[in-house]
Amino acid sequence: MKIDEGTMFDRLYNKLREANQLRRNDQFQEAVTIYREYIQQEDQPVEFLTIISHLTFRMAFQNPDQAEELLVQATEAINEALAIEPNNPLLRLHLAEIYNLGTLEYELAAQEYRAIIELNPQNVSALIGAASLYGLPEKVVSLEEATSWMRKATELESTNPQHYIRLGSLYKEGNQLREAQWAWLKALLCPEPLESDDVKSITAQIV
């Protein structure tokens, strides 16, 4: 008996709706189980693999005893998705975040961030993520790289004060004091006022 497309849609819709509710209830493992049922059934399962990776990555932080295993699962899922869409910047960005914040493989994170920036120099999330790797003992990015990336981020999101604060700190570390001062002034001129902790941070660096 042939199942018509309408019936297939209804089944998938109801299952995804169930998984959505499970996610809302923080029942991530149960949601992942539903998504995994459809990986083999889909010709292009990128969306399923991506959401599985995001959920298992999140679960790793909620379950420290299982973190290592869950991070492996998150990495495997997103790499499967990348095998299908190797130039998808959102997939590469998520993989970089797993390396940066999860497995702490900073050199691999830097490689991914650089690859994203090469594909799309205007990807602000990649620029900020790459710049955040500066200052680590592993020295996976240089001060010049980090400064260049944050400068580009301020150009693309000119109303975000946090970008200017970070850029000012990088300028100061490079002994570019005048540039640092201008970056901090721009932070104070953004539409959203700075939080008191941010003002204290800037003031401490000026003194």
C-alpha atoms as a PDB file:
ATOM      1  CA  MET A   1       0.000   0.000   0.000  1.00  0.00           C
ATOM      2  CA  LYS A   2       1.404   3.370  -1.014  1.00  0.00           C
ATOM      3  CA  ILE A   3       1.476   6.073   1.651  1.00  0.00           C
ATOM      4  CA  ASP A   4       0.567   9.441   0.164  1.00  0.00           C
ATOM      5  CA  GLU A   5       2.670  12.534   0.803  1.00  0.00           C
ATOM      6  CA  GLY A   6      -0.010  14.104   2.965  1.00  0.00           C
ATOM      7  CA  THR A   7       0.061  11.181   5.383  1.00  0.00           C
ATOM      8  CA  MET A   8       3.877  11.276   5.510  1.00  0.00           C
ATOM      9  CA  PHE A   9       3.791  15.004   6.232  1.00  0.00           C
ATOM     10  CA  ASP A  10       1.247  14.530   9.013  1.00  0.00           C
ATOM     11  CA  ARG A  11       3.361  11.843  10.680  1.00  0.00           C
ATOM     12  CA  LEU A  12       6.532  13.906  10.474  1.00  0.00           C
ATOM     13  CA  TYR A  13       4.780  17.059  11.652  1.00  0.00           C
ATOM     14  CA  ASN A  14       3.289  15.305  14.670  1.00  0.00           C
ATOM     15  CA  LYS A  15       6.643  13.775  15.582  1.00  0.00           C
ATOM     16  CA  LEU A  16       8.473  17.085  15.274  1.00  0.00           C
ATOM     17  CA  ARG A  17       5.771  18.784  17.298  1.00  0.00           C
ATOM     18  CA  GLU A  18       6.278  16.145  20.003  1.00  0.00           C
ATOM     19  CA  ALA A  19      10.044  16.699  19.911  1.00  0.00           C
ATOM     20  CA  ASN A  20       9.506  20.445  20.148  1.00  0.00           C
ATOM     21  CA  GLN A  21       7.477  20.027  23.330  1.00  0.00           C
ATOM     22  CA  LEU A  22      10.118  17.725  24.784  1.00  0.00           C
ATOM     23  CA  ARG A  23      12.717  20.422  24.148  1.00  0.00           C
ATOM     24  CA  ARG A  24      10.513  22.976  25.875  1.00  0.00           C
ATOM     25  CA  ASN A  25      10.365  20.609  28.860  1.00  0.00           C
ATOM     26  CA  ASP A  26      14.171  20.227  28.824  1.00  0.00           C
ATOM     27  CA  GLN A  27      13.780  16.553  27.903  1.00  0.00           C
ATOM     28  CA  PHE A  28      16.593  16.737  25.395  1.00  0.00           C
ATOM     29  CA  GLN A  29      17.520  13.059  25.238  1.00  0.00           C
ATOM     30  CA  GLU A  30      13.935  12.103  24.428  1.00  0.00           C
ATOM     31  CA  ALA A  31      13.866  14.735  21.681  1.00  0.00           C
ATOM     32  CA  VAL A  32      17.155  13.466  20.258  1.00  0.00           C
ATOM     33  CA  THR A  33      15.695   9.955  20.076  1.00  0.00           C
ATOM     34  CA  ILE A  34      12.883  11.238  17.858  1.00  0.00           C
ATOM     35  CA  TYR A  35      15.251  13.143  15.572  1.00  0.00           C
ATOM     36  CA  ARG A  36      17.505  10.113  15.175  1.00  0.00           C
ATOM     37  CA  GLU A  37      14.544   8.067  13.901  1.00  0.00           C
ATOM     38  CA  TYR A  38      14.439  10.252  10.803  1.00  0.00           C
ATOM     39  CA  ILE A  39      18.118  10.520   9.899  1.00  0.00           C
ATOM     40  CA  GLN A  40      18.033   7.359   7.785  1.00  0.00           C
ATOM     41  CA  GLN A  41      14.719   8.300   6.226  1.00  0.00           C
ATOM     42  CA  GLU A  42      15.761  11.703   4.918  1.00  0.00           C
ATOM     43  CA  ASP A  43      17.756  12.278   1.722  1.00  0.00           C
ATOM     44  CA  GLN A  44      19.260  15.450   3.199  1.00  0.00           C
ATOM     45  CA  PRO A  45      19.222  15.045   6.989  1.00  0.00           C
ATOM     46  CA  VAL A  46      21.324  18.145   7.704  1.00  0.00           C
ATOM     47  CA  GLU A  47      18.659  19.812   9.841  1.00  0.00           C
ATOM     48  CA  PHE A  48      18.192  16.676  11.951  1.00  0.00           C
ATOM     49  CA  LEU A  49      21.924  16.190  12.446  1.00  0.00           C
ATOM     50  CA  THR A  50      22.361  19.852  13.346  1.00  0.00           C
ATOM     51  CA  ILE A  51      19.672  19.899  15.993  1.00  0.00           C
ATOM     52  CA  ILE A  52      20.976  16.633  17.448  1.00  0.00           C
ATOM     53  CA  SER A  53      24.420  18.205  17.731  1.00  0.00           C
ATOM     54  CA  HIS A  54      23.050  21.351  19.383  1.00  0.00           C
ATOM     55  CA  LEU A  55      21.026  19.355  21.906  1.00  0.00           C
ATOM     56  CA  THR A  56      23.805  16.916  22.832  1.00  0.00           C
ATOM     57  CA  PHE A  57      26.210  19.863  23.164  1.00  0.00           C
ATOM     58  CA  ARG A  58      23.791  21.505  25.576  1.00  0.00           C
ATOM     59  CA  MET A  59      23.304  18.244  27.462  1.00  0.00           C
ATOM     60  CA  ALA A  60      27.064  17.963  27.965  1.00  0.00           C
ATOM     61  CA  PHE A  61      27.018  21.053  30.181  1.00  0.00           C
ATOM     62  CA  GLN A  62      24.038  19.767  32.151  1.00  0.00           C
ATOM     63  CA  ASN A  63      25.512  16.292  32.712  1.00  0.00           C
ATOM     64  CA  PRO A  64      29.186  16.625  33.688  1.00  0.00           C
ATOM     65  CA  ASP A  65      29.547  12.877  34.277  1.00  0.00           C
ATOM     66  CA  GLN A  66      28.572  12.205  30.664  1.00  0.00           C
ATOM     67  CA  ALA A  67      30.106  15.338  29.145  1.00  0.00           C
ATOM     68  CA  GLU A  68      32.929  13.612  27.290  1.00  0.00           C
ATOM     69  CA  GLU A  69      30.618  11.093  25.607  1.00  0.00           C
ATOM     70  CA  LEU A  70      28.018  13.744  24.758  1.00  0.00           C
ATOM     71  CA  LEU A  71      30.624  16.064  23.260  1.00  0.00           C
ATOM     72  CA  VAL A  72      31.812  13.226  21.051  1.00  0.00           C
ATOM     73  CA  GLN A  73      28.237  12.679  19.895  1.00  0.00           C
ATOM     74  CA  ALA A  74      27.763  16.397  19.233  1.00  0.00           C
ATOM     75  CA  THR A  75      30.977  16.519  17.203  1.00  0.00           C
ATOM     76  CA  GLU A  76      30.100  13.416  15.198  1.00  0.00           C
ATOM     77  CA  ALA A  77      26.635  14.713  14.347  1.00  0.00           C
ATOM     78  CA  ILE A  78      27.824  18.103  13.115  1.00  0.00           C
ATOM     79  CA  ASN A  79      30.653  16.505  11.136  1.00  0.00           C
ATOM     80  CA  GLU A  80      28.092  14.260   9.431  1.00  0.00           C
ATOM     81  CA  ALA A  81      26.150  17.375   8.503  1.00  0.00           C
ATOM     82  CA  LEU A  82      29.327  19.042   7.228  1.00  0.00           C
ATOM     83  CA  ALA A  83      30.061  16.028   5.047  1.00  0.00           C
ATOM     84  CA  ILE A  84      26.828  16.887   3.231  1.00  0.00           C
ATOM     85  CA  GLU A  85      27.247  20.685   3.269  1.00  0.00           C
ATOM     86  CA  PRO A  86      30.968  21.356   3.784  1.00  0.00           C
ATOM     87  CA  ASN A  87      30.730  25.092   3.144  1.00  0.00           C
ATOM     88  CA  ASN A  88      27.763  25.790   5.403  1.00  0.00           C
ATOM     89  CA  PRO A  89      29.031  28.563   7.740  1.00  0.00           C
ATOM     90  CA  LEU A  90      26.428  27.866  10.438  1.00  0.00           C
ATOM     91  CA  LEU A  91      27.567  24.260  10.703  1.00  0.00           C
ATOM     92  CA  ARG A  92      31.215  25.245  10.842  1.00  0.00           C
ATOM     93  CA  LEU A  93      30.443  27.887  13.447  1.00  0.00           C
ATOM     94  CA  HIS A  94      28.768  25.319  15.678  1.00  0.00           C
ATOM     95  CA  LEU A  95      31.734  22.959  15.296  1.00  0.00           C
ATOM     96  CA  ALA A  96      34.075  25.800  16.255  1.00  0.00           C
ATOM     97  CA  GLU A  97      31.974  26.454  19.362  1.00  0.00           C
ATOM     98  CA  ILE A  98      32.165  22.777  20.340  1.00  0.00           C
ATOM     99  CA  TYR A  99      35.955  22.913  20.069  1.00  0.00           C
ATOM    100  CA  ASN A 100      36.170  26.284  21.826  1.00  0.00           C
ATOM    101  CA  LEU A 101      33.703  25.833  24.687  1.00  0.00           C
ATOM    102  CA  GLY A 102      33.258  22.079  24.892  1.00  0.00           C
ATOM    103  CA  THR A 103      36.301  19.952  24.122  1.00  0.00           C
ATOM    104  CA  LEU A 104      38.718  22.899  24.589  1.00  0.00           C
ATOM    105  CA  GLU A 105      40.572  22.017  21.389  1.00  0.00           C
ATOM    106  CA  TYR A 106      41.534  25.601  20.718  1.00  0.00           C
ATOM    107  CA  GLU A 107      43.740  25.019  17.690  1.00  0.00           C
ATOM    108  CA  LEU A 108      40.868  23.211  15.951  1.00  0.00           C
ATOM    109  CA  ALA A 109      38.508  26.017  16.992  1.00  0.00           C
ATOM    110  CA  ALA A 110      40.862  28.574  15.467  1.00  0.00           C
ATOM    111  CA  GLN A 111      41.031  26.584  12.232  1.00  0.00           C
ATOM    112  CA  GLU A 112      37.245  26.498  11.979  1.00  0.00           C
ATOM    113  CA  TYR A 113      36.815  30.189  12.762  1.00  0.00           C
ATOM    114  CA  ARG A 114      39.431  31.087  10.147  1.00  0.00           C
ATOM    115  CA  ALA A 115      37.704  28.883   7.578  1.00  0.00           C
ATOM    116  CA  ILE A 116      34.375  30.616   8.239  1.00  0.00           C
ATOM    117  CA  ILE A 117      35.936  34.074   7.979  1.00  0.00           C
ATOM    118  CA  GLU A 118      37.557  33.085   4.696  1.00  0.00           C
ATOM    119  CA  LEU A 119      34.174  31.917   3.381  1.00  0.00           C
ATOM    120  CA  ASN A 120      32.366  34.964   4.743  1.00  0.00           C
ATOM    121  CA  PRO A 121      34.465  37.852   6.128  1.00  0.00           C
ATOM    122  CA  GLN A 122      31.271  39.481   7.404  1.00  0.00           C
ATOM    123  CA  ASN A 123      30.304  36.686   9.778  1.00  0.00           C
ATOM    124  CA  VAL A 124      30.317  38.606  13.061  1.00  0.00           C
ATOM    125  CA  SER A 125      29.920  35.519  15.258  1.00  0.00           C
ATOM    126  CA  ALA A 126      33.010  33.952  13.702  1.00  0.00           C
ATOM    127  CA  LEU A 127      34.991  37.184  14.033  1.00  0.00           C
ATOM    128  CA  ILE A 128      34.145  37.484  17.719  1.00  0.00           C
ATOM    129  CA  GLY A 129      34.706  33.788  18.378  1.00  0.00           C
ATOM    130  CA  ALA A 130      38.095  33.867  16.683  1.00  0.00           C
ATOM    131  CA  ALA A 131      39.148  36.990  18.575  1.00  0.00           C
ATOM    132  CA  SER A 132      38.086  35.397  21.874  1.00  0.00           C
ATOM    133  CA  LEU A 133      40.842  32.813  21.438  1.00  0.00           C
ATOM    134  CA  TYR A 134      43.528  35.448  21.882  1.00  0.00           C
ATOM    135  CA  GLY A 135      45.235  35.357  25.259  1.00  0.00           C
ATOM    136  CA  LEU A 136      45.068  31.616  25.774  1.00  0.00           C
ATOM    137  CA  PRO A 137      48.270  29.853  26.859  1.00  0.00           C
ATOM    138  CA  GLU A 138      48.090  27.850  23.625  1.00  0.00           C
ATOM    139  CA  LYS A 139      48.590  31.077  21.607  1.00  0.00           C
ATOM    140  CA  VAL A 140      46.436  29.872  18.723  1.00  0.00           C
ATOM    141  CA  VAL A 141      45.777  33.402  17.398  1.00  0.00           C
ATOM    142  CA  SER A 142      47.960  36.500  17.391  1.00  0.00           C
ATOM    143  CA  LEU A 143      47.194  39.906  18.859  1.00  0.00           C
ATOM    144  CA  GLU A 144      47.229  41.365  15.355  1.00  0.00           C
ATOM    145  CA  GLU A 145      44.650  38.834  14.160  1.00  0.00           C
ATOM    146  CA  ALA A 146      42.380  39.360  17.157  1.00  0.00           C
ATOM    147  CA  THR A 147      42.553  43.153  16.791  1.00  0.00           C
ATOM    148  CA  SER A 148      41.782  42.965  13.077  1.00  0.00           C
ATOM    149  CA  TRP A 149      38.803  40.665  13.669  1.00  0.00           C
ATOM    150  CA  MET A 150      37.331  42.837  16.420  1.00  0.00           C
ATOM    151  CA  ARG A 151      37.820  45.973  14.353  1.00  0.00           C
ATOM    152  CA  LYS A 152      35.846  44.311  11.566  1.00  0.00           C
ATOM    153  CA  ALA A 153      33.149  43.296  14.058  1.00  0.00           C
ATOM    154  CA  THR A 154      32.724  46.901  15.167  1.00  0.00           C
ATOM    155  CA  GLU A 155      32.325  47.957  11.533  1.00  0.00           C
ATOM    156  CA  LEU A 156      29.607  45.364  10.960  1.00  0.00           C
ATOM    157  CA  GLU A 157      27.792  45.910  14.272  1.00  0.00           C
ATOM    158  CA  SER A 158      28.569  49.520  15.056  1.00  0.00           C
ATOM    159  CA  THR A 159      26.008  49.843  17.858  1.00  0.00           C
ATOM    160  CA  ASN A 160      27.252  46.985  20.035  1.00  0.00           C
ATOM    161  CA  PRO A 161      29.277  48.457  22.915  1.00  0.00           C
ATOM    162  CA  GLN A 162      30.803  45.114  23.888  1.00  0.00           C
ATOM    163  CA  HIS A 163      32.691  44.989  20.605  1.00  0.00           C
ATOM    164  CA  TYR A 164      34.279  48.374  21.280  1.00  0.00           C
ATOM    165  CA  ILE A 165      35.188  47.417  24.845  1.00  0.00           C
ATOM    166  CA  ARG A 166      36.978  44.295  23.634  1.00  0.00           C
ATOM    167  CA  LEU A 167      38.639  46.174  20.785  1.00  0.00           C
ATOM    168  CA  GLY A 168      39.873  48.832  23.196  1.00  0.00           C
ATOM    169  CA  SER A 169      41.443  46.174  25.417  1.00  0.00           C
ATOM    170  CA  LEU A 170      43.211  44.637  22.425  1.00  0.00           C
ATOM    171  CA  TYR A 171      44.479  48.024  21.289  1.00  0.00           C
ATOM    172  CA  LYS A 172      45.822  48.740  24.753  1.00  0.00           C
ATOM    173  CA  GLU A 173      47.622  45.417  24.890  1.00  0.00           C
ATOM    174  CA  GLY A 174      49.240  46.302  21.576  1.00  0.00           C
ATOM    175  CA  ASN A 175      50.288  49.661  23.074  1.00  0.00           C
ATOM    176  CA  GLN A 176      47.987  51.519  20.691  1.00  0.00           C
ATOM    177  CA  LEU A 177      46.711  53.763  23.445  1.00  0.00           C
ATOM    178  CA  ARG A 178      45.062  56.438  21.307  1.00  0.00           C
ATOM    179  CA  GLU A 179      43.089  53.811  19.375  1.00  0.00           C
ATOM    180  CA  ALA A 180      42.097  52.166  22.663  1.00  0.00           C
ATOM    181  CA  GLN A 181      40.770  55.445  24.014  1.00  0.00           C
ATOM    182  CA  TRP A 182      38.681  56.074  20.901  1.00  0.00           C
ATOM    183  CA  ALA A 183      37.230  52.537  21.050  1.00  0.00           C
ATOM    184  CA  TRP A 184      36.163  53.051  24.665  1.00  0.00           C
ATOM    185  CA  LEU A 185      34.645  56.442  23.869  1.00  0.00           C
ATOM    186  CA  LYS A 186      32.631  54.820  21.086  1.00  0.00           C
ATOM    187  CA  ALA A 187      31.408  52.202  23.557  1.00  0.00           C
ATOM    188  CA  LEU A 188      30.020  55.025  25.697  1.00  0.00           C
ATOM    189  CA  LEU A 189      28.310  56.557  22.657  1.00  0.00           C
ATOM    190  CA  CYS A 190      26.334  53.461  21.699  1.00  0.00           C
ATOM    191  CA  PRO A 191      22.521  53.653  21.933  1.00  0.00           C
ATOM    192  CA  GLU A 192      22.421  51.252  24.880  1.00  0.00           C
ATOM    193  CA  PRO A 193      24.105  52.610  28.028  1.00  0.00           C
ATOM    194  CA  LEU A 194      26.905  50.537  29.506  1.00  0.00           C
ATOM    195  CA  GLU A 195      26.375  48.488  32.619  1.00  0.00           C
ATOM    196  CA  SER A 196      28.271  49.693  35.667  1.00  0.00           C
ATOM    197  CA  ASP A 197      30.613  46.692  35.543  1.00  0.00           C
ATOM    198  CA  ASP A 198      31.585  47.583  31.976  1.00  0.00           C
ATOM    199  CA  VAL A 199      32.309  51.189  32.981  1.00  0.00           C
ATOM    200  CA  LYS A 200      34.444  49.939  35.876  1.00  0.00           C
ATOM    201  CA  SER A 201      36.330  47.631  33.491  1.00  0.00           C
ATOM    202  CA  ILE A 202      37.120  50.484  31.107  1.00  0.00           C
ATOM    203  CA  THR A 203      38.035  52.859  33.940  1.00  0.00           C
ATOM    204  CA  ALA A 204      40.412  50.289  35.417  1.00  0.00           C
ATOM    205  CA  GLN A 205      42.236  49.986  32.103  1.00  0.00           C
ATOM    206  CA  ILE A 206      42.510  53.741  31.622  1.00  0.00           C
ATOM    207  CA  VAL A 207      44.100  54.333  35.023  1.00  0.00           C
END
